[in-house]
Amino acid sequence: MAHGDITHIDIPVADMEAAKAFYSGLFGWQIAEVPGYEGYPMWQAPNKVSGGGLAPRSADFSQPRSYVEVDSIDETIAKAVEAGATVLLEKQPISETSWWAAIADPDGNSIGLYESATHAS
C-alpha cells in the first residue's frame, strides 16, 4: 500500500461473539484471531483486500477508526499537529517492522496511522 491508502478499519464492539456473528452473517466477512493477537479478531471482506479488526469498545474507542498507511508516523503526526490535529495515541509498536498511532483531526474525528518498515523505501 502507498502513503495515504486506507489500510485497516477497527470496529469497537461490546460483545465480541455477537459482533463476529453479525458481521460474518451480514457481509460474509471471514473473521478469525491471528496468533499473537488473541482477543482481537481480524476481519476480511470477500474482495480479500478490505479488512480490519474487532476491538473491545471503551470510553476512548467508541466509533470505528480507519487506519491510513504513512511513510513516517513521526512526520505525519508533526504535520497533523501543525495543521490543528491532536495526538490521541503516540506511536506504538505492532511488531518489529510496523507501528501505529492515532490522531484527532480538527473536527475531532479519530484517524489511525500505520507505518510498516516493509513499506518504507
PDB file of N, CA and C in Angstrom:
ATOM      1  N   MET A   1       0.845  -1.183   0.000  1.00  0.00           N
ATOM      2  CA  MET A   1       0.000   0.000   0.000  1.00  0.00           C
ATOM      3  C   MET A   1       0.885   1.239   0.000  1.00  0.00           C
ATOM      4  N   ALA A   2       0.346   2.292  -0.531  1.00  0.00           N
ATOM      5  CA  ALA A   2       1.089   3.535  -0.645  1.00  0.00           C
ATOM      6  C   ALA A   2       0.666   4.535   0.428  1.00  0.00           C
ATOM      7  N   HIS A   3       1.514   5.524   0.651  1.00  0.00           N
ATOM      8  CA  HIS A   3       1.220   6.598   1.597  1.00  0.00           C
ATOM      9  C   HIS A   3      -0.152   7.179   1.256  1.00  0.00           C
ATOM     10  N   GLY A   4      -1.034   7.232   2.238  1.00  0.00           N
ATOM     11  CA  GLY A   4      -2.368   7.780   2.048  1.00  0.00           C
ATOM     12  C   GLY A   4      -3.461   6.760   1.817  1.00  0.00           C
ATOM     13  N   ASP A   5      -3.083   5.508   1.550  1.00  0.00           N
ATOM     14  CA  ASP A   5      -4.097   4.456   1.370  1.00  0.00           C
ATOM     15  C   ASP A   5      -4.706   4.064   2.714  1.00  0.00           C
ATOM     16  N   ILE A   6      -6.012   3.809   2.717  1.00  0.00           N
ATOM     17  CA  ILE A   6      -6.637   3.255   3.921  1.00  0.00           C
ATOM     18  C   ILE A   6      -6.289   1.779   3.952  1.00  0.00           C
ATOM     19  N   THR A   7      -5.705   1.358   5.055  1.00  0.00           N
ATOM     20  CA  THR A   7      -5.176   0.009   5.137  1.00  0.00           C
ATOM     21  C   THR A   7      -5.939  -0.913   6.079  1.00  0.00           C
ATOM     22  N   HIS A   8      -6.754  -0.346   6.989  1.00  0.00           N
ATOM     23  CA  HIS A   8      -7.345  -1.174   8.043  1.00  0.00           C
ATOM     24  C   HIS A   8      -8.474  -0.370   8.683  1.00  0.00           C
ATOM     25  N   ILE A   9      -9.531  -1.037   9.121  1.00  0.00           N
ATOM     26  CA  ILE A   9     -10.611  -0.368   9.843  1.00  0.00           C
ATOM     27  C   ILE A   9     -10.925  -1.180  11.093  1.00  0.00           C
ATOM     28  N   ASP A  10     -10.816  -0.526  12.246  1.00  0.00           N
ATOM     29  CA  ASP A  10     -11.182  -1.158  13.514  1.00  0.00           C
ATOM     30  C   ASP A  10     -12.611  -0.775  13.873  1.00  0.00           C
ATOM     31  N   ILE A  11     -13.370  -1.750  14.340  1.00  0.00           N
ATOM     32  CA  ILE A  11     -14.751  -1.538  14.754  1.00  0.00           C
ATOM     33  C   ILE A  11     -14.847  -1.874  16.237  1.00  0.00           C
ATOM     34  N   PRO A  12     -15.265  -0.906  17.078  1.00  0.00           N
ATOM     35  CA  PRO A  12     -15.400  -1.183  18.504  1.00  0.00           C
ATOM     36  C   PRO A  12     -16.665  -1.999  18.781  1.00  0.00           C
ATOM     37  N   VAL A  13     -16.534  -3.008  19.621  1.00  0.00           N
ATOM     38  CA  VAL A  13     -17.682  -3.857  19.945  1.00  0.00           C
ATOM     39  C   VAL A  13     -17.724  -4.142  21.442  1.00  0.00           C
ATOM     40  N   ALA A  14     -18.929  -4.294  21.955  1.00  0.00           N
ATOM     41  CA  ALA A  14     -19.111  -4.615  23.370  1.00  0.00           C
ATOM     42  C   ALA A  14     -19.192  -6.125  23.580  1.00  0.00           C
ATOM     43  N   ASP A  15     -19.775  -6.849  22.631  1.00  0.00           N
ATOM     44  CA  ASP A  15     -19.934  -8.300  22.733  1.00  0.00           C
ATOM     45  C   ASP A  15     -19.247  -8.921  21.511  1.00  0.00           C
ATOM     46  N   MET A  16     -18.041  -9.434  21.708  1.00  0.00           N
ATOM     47  CA  MET A  16     -17.218  -9.926  20.612  1.00  0.00           C
ATOM     48  C   MET A  16     -17.908 -11.043  19.823  1.00  0.00           C
ATOM     49  N   GLU A  17     -18.487 -12.012  20.504  1.00  0.00           N
ATOM     50  CA  GLU A  17     -19.125 -13.135  19.800  1.00  0.00           C
ATOM     51  C   GLU A  17     -20.330 -12.683  18.986  1.00  0.00           C
ATOM     52  N   ALA A  18     -21.133 -11.790  19.556  1.00  0.00           N
ATOM     53  CA  ALA A  18     -22.293 -11.271  18.822  1.00  0.00           C
ATOM     54  C   ALA A  18     -21.838 -10.472  17.606  1.00  0.00           C
ATOM     55  N   ALA A  19     -20.781  -9.686  17.757  1.00  0.00           N
ATOM     56  CA  ALA A  19     -20.271  -8.891  16.636  1.00  0.00           C
ATOM     57  C   ALA A  19     -19.731  -9.790  15.532  1.00  0.00           C
ATOM     58  N   LYS A  20     -19.006 -10.841  15.898  1.00  0.00           N
ATOM     59  CA  LYS A  20     -18.481 -11.762  14.887  1.00  0.00           C
ATOM     60  C   LYS A  20     -19.630 -12.397  14.103  1.00  0.00           C
ATOM     61  N   ALA A  21     -20.665 -12.829  14.805  1.00  0.00           N
ATOM     62  CA  ALA A  21     -21.820 -13.433  14.136  1.00  0.00           C
ATOM     63  C   ALA A  21     -22.537 -12.412  13.248  1.00  0.00           C
ATOM     64  N   PHE A  22     -22.692 -11.193  13.741  1.00  0.00           N
ATOM     65  CA  PHE A  22     -23.380 -10.150  12.979  1.00  0.00           C
ATOM     66  C   PHE A  22     -22.651  -9.843  11.674  1.00  0.00           C
ATOM     67  N   TYR A  23     -21.358  -9.520  11.750  1.00  0.00           N
ATOM     68  CA  TYR A  23     -20.621  -9.088  10.555  1.00  0.00           C
ATOM     69  C   TYR A  23     -20.364 -10.231   9.576  1.00  0.00           C
ATOM     70  N   SER A  24     -20.107 -11.425  10.087  1.00  0.00           N
ATOM     71  CA  SER A  24     -19.898 -12.539   9.150  1.00  0.00           C
ATOM     72  C   SER A  24     -21.211 -12.913   8.474  1.00  0.00           C
ATOM     73  N   GLY A  25     -22.320 -12.872   9.222  1.00  0.00           N
ATOM     74  CA  GLY A  25     -23.619 -13.200   8.638  1.00  0.00           C
ATOM     75  C   GLY A  25     -24.127 -12.144   7.685  1.00  0.00           C
ATOM     76  N   LEU A  26     -23.935 -10.879   8.021  1.00  0.00           N
ATOM     77  CA  LEU A  26     -24.454  -9.790   7.211  1.00  0.00           C
ATOM     78  C   LEU A  26     -23.649  -9.555   5.939  1.00  0.00           C
ATOM     79  N   PHE A  27     -22.314  -9.542   6.055  1.00  0.00           N
ATOM     80  CA  PHE A  27     -21.461  -9.179   4.924  1.00  0.00           C
ATOM     81  C   PHE A  27     -20.620 -10.322   4.366  1.00  0.00           C
ATOM     82  N   GLY A  28     -20.650 -11.477   5.012  1.00  0.00           N
ATOM     83  CA  GLY A  28     -19.830 -12.586   4.559  1.00  0.00           C
ATOM     84  C   GLY A  28     -18.360 -12.428   4.897  1.00  0.00           C
ATOM     85  N   TRP A  29     -18.055 -11.571   5.872  1.00  0.00           N
ATOM     86  CA  TRP A  29     -16.668 -11.363   6.274  1.00  0.00           C
ATOM     87  C   TRP A  29     -16.110 -12.617   6.925  1.00  0.00           C
ATOM     88  N   GLN A  30     -14.890 -12.950   6.604  1.00  0.00           N
ATOM     89  CA  GLN A  30     -14.153 -14.011   7.279  1.00  0.00           C
ATOM     90  C   GLN A  30     -13.528 -13.374   8.516  1.00  0.00           C
ATOM     91  N   ILE A  31     -13.798 -13.926   9.687  1.00  0.00           N
ATOM     92  CA  ILE A  31     -13.310 -13.343  10.939  1.00  0.00           C
ATOM     93  C   ILE A  31     -12.573 -14.414  11.717  1.00  0.00           C
ATOM     94  N   ALA A  32     -11.335 -14.115  12.077  1.00  0.00           N
ATOM     95  CA  ALA A  32     -10.526 -15.082  12.818  1.00  0.00           C
ATOM     96  C   ALA A  32      -9.465 -14.362  13.640  1.00  0.00           C
ATOM     97  N   GLU A  33      -9.086 -14.995  14.741  1.00  0.00           N
ATOM     98  CA  GLU A  33      -7.979 -14.472  15.533  1.00  0.00           C
ATOM     99  C   GLU A  33      -6.671 -14.937  14.922  1.00  0.00           C
ATOM    100  N   VAL A  34      -5.716 -14.035  14.893  1.00  0.00           N
ATOM    101  CA  VAL A  34      -4.391 -14.317  14.362  1.00  0.00           C
ATOM    102  C   VAL A  34      -3.483 -14.621  15.543  1.00  0.00           C
ATOM    103  N   PRO A  35      -2.656 -15.661  15.458  1.00  0.00           N
ATOM    104  CA  PRO A  35      -1.735 -15.951  16.573  1.00  0.00           C
ATOM    105  C   PRO A  35      -0.916 -14.717  16.947  1.00  0.00           C
ATOM    106  N   GLY A  36      -0.871 -14.453  18.237  1.00  0.00           N
ATOM    107  CA  GLY A  36      -0.166 -13.287  18.743  1.00  0.00           C
ATOM    108  C   GLY A  36      -1.078 -12.092  18.974  1.00  0.00           C
ATOM    109  N   TYR A  37      -2.298 -12.167  18.447  1.00  0.00           N
ATOM    110  CA  TYR A  37      -3.258 -11.071  18.597  1.00  0.00           C
ATOM    111  C   TYR A  37      -4.581 -11.598  19.159  1.00  0.00           C
ATOM    112  N   GLU A  38      -4.486 -12.482  20.128  1.00  0.00           N
ATOM    113  CA  GLU A  38      -5.676 -13.068  20.734  1.00  0.00           C
ATOM    114  C   GLU A  38      -6.543 -11.963  21.351  1.00  0.00           C
ATOM    115  N   GLY A  39      -7.852 -12.117  21.245  1.00  0.00           N
ATOM    116  CA  GLY A  39      -8.780 -11.129  21.765  1.00  0.00           C
ATOM    117  C   GLY A  39      -9.016  -9.972  20.800  1.00  0.00           C
ATOM    118  N   TYR A  40      -8.395 -10.042  19.631  1.00  0.00           N
ATOM    119  CA  TYR A  40      -8.537  -9.007  18.606  1.00  0.00           C
ATOM    120  C   TYR A  40      -8.729  -9.689  17.256  1.00  0.00           C
ATOM    121  N   PRO A  41      -9.931 -10.259  17.033  1.00  0.00           N
ATOM    122  CA  PRO A  41     -10.157 -10.956  15.767  1.00  0.00           C
ATOM    123  C   PRO A  41     -10.115 -10.003  14.577  1.00  0.00           C
ATOM    124  N   MET A  42      -9.485 -10.479  13.522  1.00  0.00           N
ATOM    125  CA  MET A  42      -9.356  -9.699  12.296  1.00  0.00           C
ATOM    126  C   MET A  42     -10.449 -10.122  11.325  1.00  0.00           C
ATOM    127  N   TRP A  43     -10.973  -9.172  10.581  1.00  0.00           N
ATOM    128  CA  TRP A  43     -11.975  -9.470   9.554  1.00  0.00           C
ATOM    129  C   TRP A  43     -11.412  -9.150   8.183  1.00  0.00           C
ATOM    130  N   GLN A  44     -11.877  -9.918   7.204  1.00  0.00           N
ATOM    131  CA  GLN A  44     -11.500  -9.686   5.822  1.00  0.00           C
ATOM    132  C   GLN A  44     -12.761  -9.764   4.971  1.00  0.00           C
ATOM    133  N   ALA A  45     -12.917  -8.775   4.108  1.00  0.00           N
ATOM    134  CA  ALA A  45     -14.073  -8.726   3.215  1.00  0.00           C
ATOM    135  C   ALA A  45     -13.898  -9.751   2.097  1.00  0.00           C
ATOM    136  N   PRO A  46     -14.985 -10.101   1.431  1.00  0.00           N
ATOM    137  CA  PRO A  46     -14.893 -11.076   0.343  1.00  0.00           C
ATOM    138  C   PRO A  46     -13.915 -10.686  -0.770  1.00  0.00           C
ATOM    139  N   ASN A  47     -13.616  -9.386  -0.948  1.00  0.00           N
ATOM    140  CA  ASN A  47     -12.676  -8.978  -2.002  1.00  0.00           C
ATOM    141  C   ASN A  47     -11.224  -9.318  -1.648  1.00  0.00           C
ATOM    142  N   LYS A  48     -10.992  -9.814  -0.441  1.00  0.00           N
ATOM    143  CA  LYS A  48      -9.657 -10.203   0.049  1.00  0.00           C
ATOM    144  C   LYS A  48      -8.695  -9.029   0.131  1.00  0.00           C
ATOM    145  N   VAL A  49      -9.205  -7.797   0.025  1.00  0.00           N
ATOM    146  CA  VAL A  49      -8.376  -6.600   0.141  1.00  0.00           C
ATOM    147  C   VAL A  49      -8.773  -5.815   1.389  1.00  0.00           C
ATOM    148  N   SER A  50     -10.056  -5.508   1.516  1.00  0.00           N
ATOM    149  CA  SER A  50     -10.539  -4.736   2.656  1.00  0.00           C
ATOM    150  C   SER A  50     -10.508  -5.589   3.914  1.00  0.00           C
ATOM    151  N   GLY A  51     -10.159  -4.950   5.025  1.00  0.00           N
ATOM    152  CA  GLY A  51     -10.141  -5.681   6.276  1.00  0.00           C
ATOM    153  C   GLY A  51      -9.882  -4.774   7.458  1.00  0.00           C
ATOM    154  N   GLY A  52      -9.877  -5.404   8.613  1.00  0.00           N
ATOM    155  CA  GLY A  52      -9.660  -4.661   9.848  1.00  0.00           C
ATOM    156  C   GLY A  52      -9.775  -5.582  11.035  1.00  0.00           C
ATOM    157  N   GLY A  53     -10.184  -5.014  12.145  1.00  0.00           N
ATOM    158  CA  GLY A  53     -10.295  -5.795  13.364  1.00  0.00           C
ATOM    159  C   GLY A  53     -11.533  -5.423  14.150  1.00  0.00           C
ATOM    160  N   LEU A  54     -11.906  -6.319  15.044  1.00  0.00           N
ATOM    161  CA  LEU A  54     -12.963  -6.056  16.012  1.00  0.00           C
ATOM    162  C   LEU A  54     -12.254  -5.856  17.349  1.00  0.00           C
ATOM    163  N   ALA A  55     -12.389  -4.670  17.911  1.00  0.00           N
ATOM    164  CA  ALA A  55     -11.667  -4.320  19.127  1.00  0.00           C
ATOM    165  C   ALA A  55     -12.642  -4.015  20.255  1.00  0.00           C
ATOM    166  N   PRO A  56     -12.259  -4.304  21.480  1.00  0.00           N
ATOM    167  CA  PRO A  56     -13.150  -4.000  22.601  1.00  0.00           C
ATOM    168  C   PRO A  56     -13.499  -2.511  22.662  1.00  0.00           C
ATOM    169  N   ARG A  57     -14.781  -2.241  22.811  1.00  0.00           N
ATOM    170  CA  ARG A  57     -15.266  -0.870  22.956  1.00  0.00           C
ATOM    171  C   ARG A  57     -14.797  -0.328  24.307  1.00  0.00           C
ATOM    172  N   SER A  58     -14.421   0.950  24.327  1.00  0.00           N
ATOM    173  CA  SER A  58     -14.038   1.607  25.576  1.00  0.00           C
ATOM    174  C   SER A  58     -14.429   3.073  25.493  1.00  0.00           C
ATOM    175  N   ALA A  59     -14.246   3.799  26.586  1.00  0.00           N
ATOM    176  CA  ALA A  59     -14.555   5.227  26.590  1.00  0.00           C
ATOM    177  C   ALA A  59     -13.700   5.964  25.563  1.00  0.00           C
ATOM    178  N   ASP A  60     -12.481   5.494  25.341  1.00  0.00           N
ATOM    179  CA  ASP A  60     -11.568   6.125  24.396  1.00  0.00           C
ATOM    180  C   ASP A  60     -11.717   5.593  22.974  1.00  0.00           C
ATOM    181  N   PHE A  61     -12.488   4.526  22.805  1.00  0.00           N
ATOM    182  CA  PHE A  61     -12.658   3.927  21.479  1.00  0.00           C
ATOM    183  C   PHE A  61     -14.108   3.503  21.316  1.00  0.00           C
ATOM    184  N   SER A  62     -14.922   4.447  20.838  1.00  0.00           N
ATOM    185  CA  SER A  62     -16.358   4.188  20.750  1.00  0.00           C
ATOM    186  C   SER A  62     -16.914   4.305  19.332  1.00  0.00           C
ATOM    187  N   GLN A  63     -16.080   4.675  18.365  1.00  0.00           N
ATOM    188  CA  GLN A  63     -16.500   4.798  16.975  1.00  0.00           C
ATOM    189  C   GLN A  63     -15.484   4.085  16.086  1.00  0.00           C
ATOM    190  N   PRO A  64     -15.903   3.570  14.935  1.00  0.00           N
ATOM    191  CA  PRO A  64     -14.936   2.930  14.033  1.00  0.00           C
ATOM    192  C   PRO A  64     -13.786   3.886  13.692  1.00  0.00           C
ATOM    193  N   ARG A  65     -12.607   3.296  13.511  1.00  0.00           N
ATOM    194  CA  ARG A  65     -11.415   4.091  13.184  1.00  0.00           C
ATOM    195  C   ARG A  65     -10.737   3.500  11.960  1.00  0.00           C
ATOM    196  N   SER A  66     -10.564   4.338  10.937  1.00  0.00           N
ATOM    197  CA  SER A  66      -9.820   3.936   9.750  1.00  0.00           C
ATOM    198  C   SER A  66      -8.342   4.216   9.976  1.00  0.00           C
ATOM    199  N   TYR A  67      -7.502   3.318   9.470  1.00  0.00           N
ATOM    200  CA  TYR A  67      -6.052   3.480   9.568  1.00  0.00           C
ATOM    201  C   TYR A  67      -5.505   3.789   8.187  1.00  0.00           C
ATOM    202  N   VAL A  68      -4.654   4.802   8.130  1.00  0.00           N
ATOM    203  CA  VAL A  68      -4.079   5.263   6.884  1.00  0.00           C
ATOM    204  C   VAL A  68      -2.593   4.913   6.869  1.00  0.00           C
ATOM    205  N   GLU A  69      -2.143   4.305   5.787  1.00  0.00           N
ATOM    206  CA  GLU A  69      -0.727   3.980   5.600  1.00  0.00           C
ATOM    207  C   GLU A  69       0.051   5.284   5.422  1.00  0.00           C
ATOM    208  N   VAL A  70       1.144   5.425   6.165  1.00  0.00           N
ATOM    209  CA  VAL A  70       2.001   6.605   6.037  1.00  0.00           C
ATOM    210  C   VAL A  70       3.450   6.173   5.930  1.00  0.00           C
ATOM    211  N   ASP A  71       4.257   7.004   5.276  1.00  0.00           N
ATOM    212  CA  ASP A  71       5.680   6.705   5.155  1.00  0.00           C
ATOM    213  C   ASP A  71       6.377   6.843   6.509  1.00  0.00           C
ATOM    214  N   SER A  72       5.942   7.815   7.314  1.00  0.00           N
ATOM    215  CA  SER A  72       6.533   8.066   8.623  1.00  0.00           C
ATOM    216  C   SER A  72       5.469   8.579   9.576  1.00  0.00           C
ATOM    217  N   ILE A  73       5.202   7.838  10.631  1.00  0.00           N
ATOM    218  CA  ILE A  73       4.234   8.292  11.630  1.00  0.00           C
ATOM    219  C   ILE A  73       4.734   9.568  12.284  1.00  0.00           C
ATOM    220  N   ASP A  74       6.025   9.625  12.611  1.00  0.00           N
ATOM    221  CA  ASP A  74       6.563  10.809  13.283  1.00  0.00           C
ATOM    222  C   ASP A  74       6.349  12.065  12.435  1.00  0.00           C
ATOM    223  N   GLU A  75       6.675  11.994  11.150  1.00  0.00           N
ATOM    224  CA  GLU A  75       6.500  13.146  10.263  1.00  0.00           C
ATOM    225  C   GLU A  75       5.031  13.480  10.073  1.00  0.00           C
ATOM    226  N   THR A  76       4.189  12.462   9.959  1.00  0.00           N
ATOM    227  CA  THR A  76       2.763  12.697   9.754  1.00  0.00           C
ATOM    228  C   THR A  76       2.139  13.338  10.983  1.00  0.00           C
ATOM    229  N   ILE A  77       2.512  12.879  12.177  1.00  0.00           N
ATOM    230  CA  ILE A  77       1.981  13.494  13.402  1.00  0.00           C
ATOM    231  C   ILE A  77       2.410  14.948  13.491  1.00  0.00           C
ATOM    232  N   ALA A  78       3.672  15.235  13.218  1.00  0.00           N
ATOM    233  CA  ALA A  78       4.149  16.618  13.283  1.00  0.00           C
ATOM    234  C   ALA A  78       3.363  17.509  12.321  1.00  0.00           C
ATOM    235  N   LYS A  79       3.166  17.036  11.115  1.00  0.00           N
ATOM    236  CA  LYS A  79       2.421  17.793  10.101  1.00  0.00           C
ATOM    237  C   LYS A  79       0.956  17.954  10.519  1.00  0.00           C
ATOM    238  N   ALA A  80       0.360  16.890  11.074  1.00  0.00           N
ATOM    239  CA  ALA A  80      -1.044  16.945  11.501  1.00  0.00           C
ATOM    240  C   ALA A  80      -1.236  17.932  12.649  1.00  0.00           C
ATOM    241  N   VAL A  81      -0.341  17.891  13.633  1.00  0.00           N
ATOM    242  CA  VAL A  81      -0.443  18.801  14.773  1.00  0.00           C
ATOM    243  C   VAL A  81      -0.302  20.249  14.298  1.00  0.00           C
ATOM    244  N   GLU A  82       0.614  20.473  13.384  1.00  0.00           N
ATOM    245  CA  GLU A  82       0.793  21.809  12.815  1.00  0.00           C
ATOM    246  C   GLU A  82      -0.480  22.299  12.128  1.00  0.00           C
ATOM    247  N   ALA A  83      -1.253  21.358  11.585  1.00  0.00           N
ATOM    248  CA  ALA A  83      -2.499  21.693  10.882  1.00  0.00           C
ATOM    249  C   ALA A  83      -3.719  21.692  11.800  1.00  0.00           C
ATOM    250  N   GLY A  84      -3.519  21.491  13.107  1.00  0.00           N
ATOM    251  CA  GLY A  84      -4.630  21.579  14.047  1.00  0.00           C
ATOM    252  C   GLY A  84      -5.097  20.278  14.667  1.00  0.00           C
ATOM    253  N   ALA A  85      -4.444  19.171  14.356  1.00  0.00           N
ATOM    254  CA  ALA A  85      -4.832  17.876  14.941  1.00  0.00           C
ATOM    255  C   ALA A  85      -4.277  17.748  16.361  1.00  0.00           C
ATOM    256  N   THR A  86      -4.827  16.794  17.093  1.00  0.00           N
ATOM    257  CA  THR A  86      -4.288  16.438  18.402  1.00  0.00           C
ATOM    258  C   THR A  86      -3.915  14.956  18.380  1.00  0.00           C
ATOM    259  N   VAL A  87      -2.942  14.598  19.183  1.00  0.00           N
ATOM    260  CA  VAL A  87      -2.479  13.218  19.249  1.00  0.00           C
ATOM    261  C   VAL A  87      -3.325  12.465  20.271  1.00  0.00           C
ATOM    262  N   LEU A  88      -3.970  11.397  19.825  1.00  0.00           N
ATOM    263  CA  LEU A  88      -4.757  10.548  20.717  1.00  0.00           C
ATOM    264  C   LEU A  88      -3.913   9.418  21.287  1.00  0.00           C
ATOM    265  N   LEU A  89      -3.021   8.883  20.463  1.00  0.00           N
ATOM    266  CA  LEU A  89      -2.160   7.775  20.874  1.00  0.00           C
ATOM    267  C   LEU A  89      -0.810   7.951  20.193  1.00  0.00           C
ATOM    268  N   GLU A  90       0.230   8.063  20.993  1.00  0.00           N
ATOM    269  CA  GLU A  90       1.581   8.192  20.452  1.00  0.00           C
ATOM    270  C   GLU A  90       1.955   6.917  19.697  1.00  0.00           C
ATOM    271  N   LYS A  91       2.968   6.989  18.885  1.00  0.00           N
ATOM    272  CA  LYS A  91       3.468   5.856  18.102  1.00  0.00           C
ATOM    273  C   LYS A  91       3.768   4.664  19.010  1.00  0.00           C
ATOM    274  N   GLN A  92       3.206   3.518  18.635  1.00  0.00           N
ATOM    275  CA  GLN A  92       3.355   2.269  19.397  1.00  0.00           C
ATOM    276  C   GLN A  92       3.762   1.156  18.438  1.00  0.00           C
ATOM    277  N   PRO A  93       4.597   0.218  18.891  1.00  0.00           N
ATOM    278  CA  PRO A  93       4.927  -0.903  18.001  1.00  0.00           C
ATOM    279  C   PRO A  93       3.780  -1.899  17.903  1.00  0.00           C
ATOM    280  N   ILE A  94       3.619  -2.449  16.707  1.00  0.00           N
ATOM    281  CA  ILE A  94       2.721  -3.586  16.488  1.00  0.00           C
ATOM    282  C   ILE A  94       3.582  -4.842  16.430  1.00  0.00           C
ATOM    283  N   SER A  95       4.663  -4.731  15.677  1.00  0.00           N
ATOM    284  CA  SER A  95       5.637  -5.813  15.544  1.00  0.00           C
ATOM    285  C   SER A  95       7.011  -5.159  15.408  1.00  0.00           C
ATOM    286  N   GLU A  96       8.011  -5.940  15.074  1.00  0.00           N
ATOM    287  CA  GLU A  96       9.348  -5.370  14.887  1.00  0.00           C
ATOM    288  C   GLU A  96       9.430  -4.484  13.650  1.00  0.00           C
ATOM    289  N   THR A  97       8.474  -4.622  12.746  1.00  0.00           N
ATOM    290  CA  THR A  97       8.527  -3.872  11.481  1.00  0.00           C
ATOM    291  C   THR A  97       7.288  -3.024  11.212  1.00  0.00           C
ATOM    292  N   SER A  98       6.442  -2.812  12.213  1.00  0.00           N
ATOM    293  CA  SER A  98       5.253  -1.993  11.999  1.00  0.00           C
ATOM    294  C   SER A  98       4.862  -1.260  13.280  1.00  0.00           C
ATOM    295  N   TRP A  99       4.218  -0.087  13.084  1.00  0.00           N
ATOM    296  CA  TRP A  99       3.833   0.771  14.187  1.00  0.00           C
ATOM    297  C   TRP A  99       2.480   1.394  13.902  1.00  0.00           C
ATOM    298  N   TRP A 100       1.825   1.895  14.961  1.00  0.00           N
ATOM    299  CA  TRP A 100       0.562   2.573  14.799  1.00  0.00           C
ATOM    300  C   TRP A 100       0.483   3.736  15.768  1.00  0.00           C
ATOM    301  N   ALA A 101      -0.409   4.657  15.484  1.00  0.00           N
ATOM    302  CA  ALA A 101      -0.683   5.809  16.330  1.00  0.00           C
ATOM    303  C   ALA A 101      -2.087   6.277  15.966  1.00  0.00           C
ATOM    304  N   ALA A 102      -2.606   7.247  16.706  1.00  0.00           N
ATOM    305  CA  ALA A 102      -3.928   7.797  16.387  1.00  0.00           C
ATOM    306  C   ALA A 102      -3.925   9.295  16.657  1.00  0.00           C
ATOM    307  N   ILE A 103      -4.596  10.008  15.774  1.00  0.00           N
ATOM    308  CA  ILE A 103      -4.765  11.450  15.916  1.00  0.00           C
ATOM    309  C   ILE A 103      -6.248  11.776  15.823  1.00  0.00           C
ATOM    310  N   ALA A 104      -6.590  12.981  16.253  1.00  0.00           N
ATOM    311  CA  ALA A 104      -7.934  13.522  16.023  1.00  0.00           C
ATOM    312  C   ALA A 104      -7.770  14.718  15.105  1.00  0.00           C
ATOM    313  N   ASP A 105      -8.536  14.742  14.027  1.00  0.00           N
ATOM    314  CA  ASP A 105      -8.473  15.878  13.110  1.00  0.00           C
ATOM    315  C   ASP A 105      -9.085  17.104  13.790  1.00  0.00           C
ATOM    316  N   PRO A 106      -9.016  18.279  13.187  1.00  0.00           N
ATOM    317  CA  PRO A 106      -9.562  19.478  13.833  1.00  0.00           C
ATOM    318  C   PRO A 106     -11.051  19.391  14.181  1.00  0.00           C
ATOM    319  N   ASP A 107     -11.793  18.488  13.525  1.00  0.00           N
ATOM    320  CA  ASP A 107     -13.210  18.293  13.861  1.00  0.00           C
ATOM    321  C   ASP A 107     -13.412  17.238  14.941  1.00  0.00           C
ATOM    322  N   GLY A 108     -12.331  16.612  15.401  1.00  0.00           N
ATOM    323  CA  GLY A 108     -12.434  15.611  16.459  1.00  0.00           C
ATOM    324  C   GLY A 108     -12.563  14.187  15.973  1.00  0.00           C
ATOM    325  N   ASN A 109     -12.475  13.948  14.658  1.00  0.00           N
ATOM    326  CA  ASN A 109     -12.558  12.589  14.122  1.00  0.00           C
ATOM    327  C   ASN A 109     -11.260  11.841  14.394  1.00  0.00           C
ATOM    328  N   SER A 110     -11.389  10.631  14.866  1.00  0.00           N
ATOM    329  CA  SER A 110     -10.234   9.788  15.152  1.00  0.00           C
ATOM    330  C   SER A 110      -9.729   9.123  13.879  1.00  0.00           C
ATOM    331  N   ILE A 111      -8.425   9.252  13.621  1.00  0.00           N
ATOM    332  CA  ILE A 111      -7.806   8.657  12.446  1.00  0.00           C
ATOM    333  C   ILE A 111      -6.584   7.880  12.908  1.00  0.00           C
ATOM    334  N   GLY A 112      -6.508   6.615  12.514  1.00  0.00           N
ATOM    335  CA  GLY A 112      -5.354   5.806  12.843  1.00  0.00           C
ATOM    336  C   GLY A 112      -4.271   5.976  11.796  1.00  0.00           C
ATOM    337  N   LEU A 113      -3.009   5.856  12.218  1.00  0.00           N
ATOM    338  CA  LEU A 113      -1.871   5.914  11.321  1.00  0.00           C
ATOM    339  C   LEU A 113      -1.135   4.587  11.404  1.00  0.00           C
ATOM    340  N   TYR A 114      -0.693   4.078  10.265  1.00  0.00           N
ATOM    341  CA  TYR A 114       0.017   2.803  10.197  1.00  0.00           C
ATOM    342  C   TYR A 114       1.289   2.997   9.386  1.00  0.00           C
ATOM    343  N   GLU A 115       2.408   2.539   9.951  1.00  0.00           N
ATOM    344  CA  GLU A 115       3.704   2.582   9.258  1.00  0.00           C
ATOM    345  C   GLU A 115       4.320   1.205   9.283  1.00  0.00           C
ATOM    346  N   SER A 116       4.847   0.803   8.158  1.00  0.00           N
ATOM    347  CA  SER A 116       5.483  -0.502   8.047  1.00  0.00           C
ATOM    348  C   SER A 116       6.874  -0.333   7.451  1.00  0.00           C
ATOM    349  N   ALA A 117       7.858  -0.969   8.066  1.00  0.00           N
ATOM    350  CA  ALA A 117       9.214  -0.898   7.535  1.00  0.00           C
ATOM    351  C   ALA A 117       9.290  -1.566   6.169  1.00  0.00           C
ATOM    352  N   THR A 118       8.416  -2.513   5.899  1.00  0.00           N
ATOM    353  CA  THR A 118       8.409  -3.175   4.595  1.00  0.00           C
ATOM    354  C   THR A 118       7.860  -2.235   3.524  1.00  0.00           C
ATOM    355  N   HIS A 119       7.093  -1.212   3.954  1.00  0.00           N
ATOM    356  CA  HIS A 119       6.548  -0.225   3.015  1.00  0.00           C
ATOM    357  C   HIS A 119       7.554   0.885   2.744  1.00  0.00           C
ATOM    358  N   ALA A 120       8.244   1.344   3.817  1.00  0.00           N
ATOM    359  CA  ALA A 120       9.150   2.471   3.685  1.00  0.00           C
ATOM    360  C   ALA A 120      10.288   2.132   2.733  1.00  0.00           C
ATOM    361  N   SER A 121      10.670   3.095   1.942  1.00  0.00           N
ATOM    362  CA  SER A 121      11.755   2.847   0.998  1.00  0.00           C
ATOM    363  C   SER A 121      13.039   3.466   1.485  1.00  0.00           C
TER     364      SER A 121
END
